[in-house]
Amino acid sequence: MAKVLQDGEKAPDFSMPSTTGQIELKDFSGSYLVLYFYPKDDTPGCTNEAKDFSALIDAFADRNAKVVGVSRDPLSKHEKFSAKHDLKVILASDESGETTEVYGTWIEKNMYGKTYMGIARQTFLIGPDGSIIKSWKKVQVKGHAEDVLSHLPDGTKTSQDKV
């Protein structure tokens, strides 16, 4: 069974290819990071979630926050998905499954009587110091991006704009 990460603990390190190049947790040091895990590119719920975060990208930036979506889709699929929907979020590819495993989002699922492994839709708000401020499990897409934004302090971004 996957480890359940707790609010307040240090976020696990990661290194993944993304639509902006290779990214690691340390790249976001000094900024807030919204790390959201989603099952698959170009499916209805995942598309809506990415578009909702993209629509608020300036508001996240004003609060010194970066938004990264993670799935096991290959980078080439992320690039097509991003271009098709004019997404403003960073999309990271975890084809190896290492990041989804350490974040506890690779779980057993059931659909139509079949059991399979897949990504649970979850979000982690990581603070400038690399600790998990808040996590959302069993995310409902509608209103989620706004809810995450509401947990960030108001303000303007600092000069530590690394990614």
Protein backbone atom coordinates (compact mmCIF):
# COMPACT_ATOMS: atom_id res chain seq x y z
CA MET A 1 0.00 0.00 0.00
CA ALA A 2 1.21 3.48 -0.88
CA LYS A 3 2.50 5.78 1.84
CA VAL A 4 0.03 8.51 2.75
CA LEU A 5 1.77 11.86 2.91
CA GLN A 6 0.72 14.11 5.76
CA ASP A 7 0.33 17.88 5.80
CA GLY A 8 3.38 19.44 7.45
CA GLU A 9 5.90 16.83 6.32
CA LYS A 10 8.65 17.40 3.78
CA ALA A 11 7.50 16.83 0.20
CA PRO A 12 9.34 13.98 -1.52
CA ASP A 13 11.93 14.98 -4.10
CA PHE A 14 11.15 14.35 -7.74
CA SER A 15 12.78 14.71 -11.13
CA MET A 16 10.63 14.53 -14.27
CA PRO A 17 10.64 15.77 -17.84
CA SER A 18 8.05 18.48 -18.37
CA THR A 19 6.70 20.86 -20.97
CA THR A 20 9.29 23.39 -19.71
CA GLY A 21 12.24 20.97 -19.47
CA GLN A 22 13.48 18.70 -16.68
CA ILE A 23 12.06 19.77 -13.31
CA GLU A 24 12.90 18.88 -9.72
CA LEU A 25 11.36 19.88 -6.41
CA LYS A 26 14.37 22.11 -5.61
CA ASP A 27 13.61 24.20 -8.71
CA PHE A 28 10.57 25.57 -6.86
CA SER A 29 12.41 26.47 -3.64
CA GLY A 30 11.26 29.89 -2.46
CA SER A 31 7.93 29.57 -4.28
CA TYR A 32 4.70 27.77 -3.57
CA LEU A 33 4.10 24.72 -5.73
CA VAL A 34 0.71 23.28 -6.63
CA LEU A 35 1.48 19.70 -7.63
CA TYR A 36 -1.64 18.06 -8.97
CA PHE A 37 -1.86 14.44 -10.09
CA TYR A 38 -4.37 13.42 -12.72
CA PRO A 39 -5.12 10.14 -14.53
CA LYS A 40 -4.81 10.87 -18.26
CA ASP A 41 -4.39 13.64 -20.83
CA ASP A 42 -7.37 14.64 -22.95
CA THR A 43 -10.07 12.96 -20.88
CA PRO A 44 -13.00 15.13 -19.74
CA GLY A 45 -12.18 15.54 -16.04
CA CYS A 46 -8.46 15.92 -16.60
CA THR A 47 -8.97 18.45 -19.38
CA ASN A 48 -11.34 20.53 -17.24
CA GLU A 49 -8.92 20.45 -14.31
CA ALA A 50 -5.98 21.61 -16.46
CA LYS A 51 -8.10 24.35 -18.05
CA ASP A 52 -9.36 25.53 -14.65
CA PHE A 53 -5.81 25.82 -13.27
CA SER A 54 -4.70 27.52 -16.51
CA ALA A 55 -7.50 30.08 -16.27
CA LEU A 56 -6.19 31.10 -12.84
CA ILE A 57 -2.48 30.95 -13.66
CA ASP A 58 -1.99 34.73 -13.24
CA ALA A 59 -3.68 34.65 -9.83
CA PHE A 60 -1.38 31.78 -8.79
CA ALA A 61 1.65 33.72 -10.08
CA ASP A 62 0.55 36.79 -8.08
CA ARG A 63 0.74 34.58 -4.99
CA ASN A 64 4.23 33.30 -5.88
CA ALA A 65 2.89 29.88 -6.90
CA LYS A 66 3.70 27.57 -9.80
CA VAL A 67 1.25 24.92 -10.99
CA VAL A 68 2.44 21.51 -12.22
CA GLY A 69 0.18 18.71 -13.42
CA VAL A 70 1.55 15.16 -13.28
CA SER A 71 0.41 12.02 -15.07
CA ARG A 72 2.10 8.95 -16.50
CA ASP A 73 1.46 10.10 -20.06
CA PRO A 74 4.60 10.54 -22.21
CA LEU A 75 5.96 14.05 -22.69
CA SER A 76 4.96 14.04 -26.37
CA LYS A 77 1.33 13.51 -25.35
CA HIS A 78 1.58 16.31 -22.75
CA GLU A 79 2.90 18.69 -25.39
CA LYS A 80 -0.02 17.91 -27.74
CA PHE A 81 -2.53 18.16 -24.87
CA SER A 82 -1.09 21.51 -23.78
CA ALA A 83 -1.12 22.94 -27.31
CA LYS A 84 -4.62 21.65 -28.09
CA HIS A 85 -6.15 23.36 -25.04
CA ASP A 86 -3.72 26.33 -24.77
CA LEU A 87 -2.77 25.24 -21.25
CA LYS A 88 -0.72 27.60 -19.09
CA VAL A 89 0.30 25.02 -16.46
CA ILE A 90 3.47 22.95 -16.56
CA LEU A 91 2.76 19.29 -17.38
CA ALA A 92 5.25 16.72 -16.07
CA SER A 93 5.61 13.17 -17.34
CA ASP A 94 6.06 10.41 -14.77
CA GLU A 95 6.27 7.48 -17.18
CA SER A 96 8.46 5.53 -14.74
CA GLY A 97 5.84 5.93 -12.02
CA GLU A 98 8.45 6.90 -9.44
CA THR A 99 6.84 10.22 -8.48
CA THR A 100 3.27 8.88 -8.40
CA GLU A 101 4.53 6.08 -6.12
CA VAL A 102 6.34 8.32 -3.61
CA TYR A 103 3.42 10.74 -3.47
CA GLY A 104 1.00 7.86 -2.85
CA THR A 105 -1.16 8.62 -5.87
CA TRP A 106 -0.70 5.26 -7.68
CA ILE A 107 -3.57 3.24 -6.26
CA GLU A 108 -5.84 0.31 -6.93
CA LYS A 109 -9.05 1.41 -8.64
CA ASN A 110 -12.28 -0.31 -9.58
CA MET A 111 -14.43 0.39 -12.61
CA TYR A 112 -17.19 -1.73 -14.13
CA GLY A 113 -16.21 -4.64 -11.88
CA LYS A 114 -12.56 -4.60 -12.93
CA THR A 115 -9.67 -3.82 -10.61
CA TYR A 116 -6.65 -1.99 -11.99
CA MET A 117 -3.88 0.38 -10.92
CA GLY A 118 -4.17 4.06 -11.77
CA ILE A 119 -3.50 7.60 -10.62
CA ALA A 120 -5.77 9.01 -7.94
CA ARG A 121 -6.71 12.62 -8.61
CA GLN A 122 -4.87 14.36 -5.76
CA THR A 123 -3.27 17.75 -5.20
CA PHE A 124 -0.45 18.86 -2.92
CA LEU A 125 0.24 22.48 -1.99
CA ILE A 126 3.93 22.67 -1.19
CA GLY A 127 5.38 25.67 0.61
CA PRO A 128 8.49 27.69 -0.26
CA ASP A 129 10.44 25.57 2.26
CA GLY A 130 9.45 22.30 0.56
CA SER A 131 6.92 21.14 3.14
CA ILE A 132 3.39 20.03 2.34
CA ILE A 133 1.01 22.77 3.47
CA LYS A 134 -2.19 21.04 2.41
CA SER A 135 -3.22 18.00 0.42
CA TRP A 136 -6.47 17.17 -1.30
CA LYS A 137 -7.48 13.53 -1.75
CA LYS A 138 -10.33 12.32 -3.97
CA VAL A 139 -10.46 15.65 -5.77
CA GLN A 140 -13.70 16.79 -7.39
CA VAL A 141 -12.68 18.90 -10.39
CA LYS A 142 -15.40 21.55 -10.28
CA GLY A 143 -14.20 24.42 -8.08
CA HIS A 144 -10.94 22.68 -7.15
CA ALA A 145 -8.53 25.20 -8.70
CA GLU A 146 -10.33 28.03 -6.90
CA ASP A 147 -10.17 26.11 -3.62
CA VAL A 148 -6.43 25.55 -3.97
CA LEU A 149 -5.91 29.24 -4.80
CA SER A 150 -7.84 30.23 -1.67
CA HIS A 151 -5.24 28.43 0.48
CA LEU A 152 -2.40 30.62 -0.77
CA PRO A 153 -1.53 33.89 0.97
CA ASP A 154 -2.45 37.06 -0.89
CA GLY A 155 0.44 39.08 -2.19
CA THR A 156 2.74 39.49 -5.10
CA LYS A 157 5.44 37.18 -6.31
CA THR A 158 9.01 37.68 -5.19
CA SER A 159 12.14 37.84 -7.29
CA GLN A 160 12.69 34.11 -6.74
CA ASP A 161 11.06 33.11 -10.01
CA LYS A 162 13.12 30.05 -10.96
CA VAL A 163 10.88 28.04 -13.26
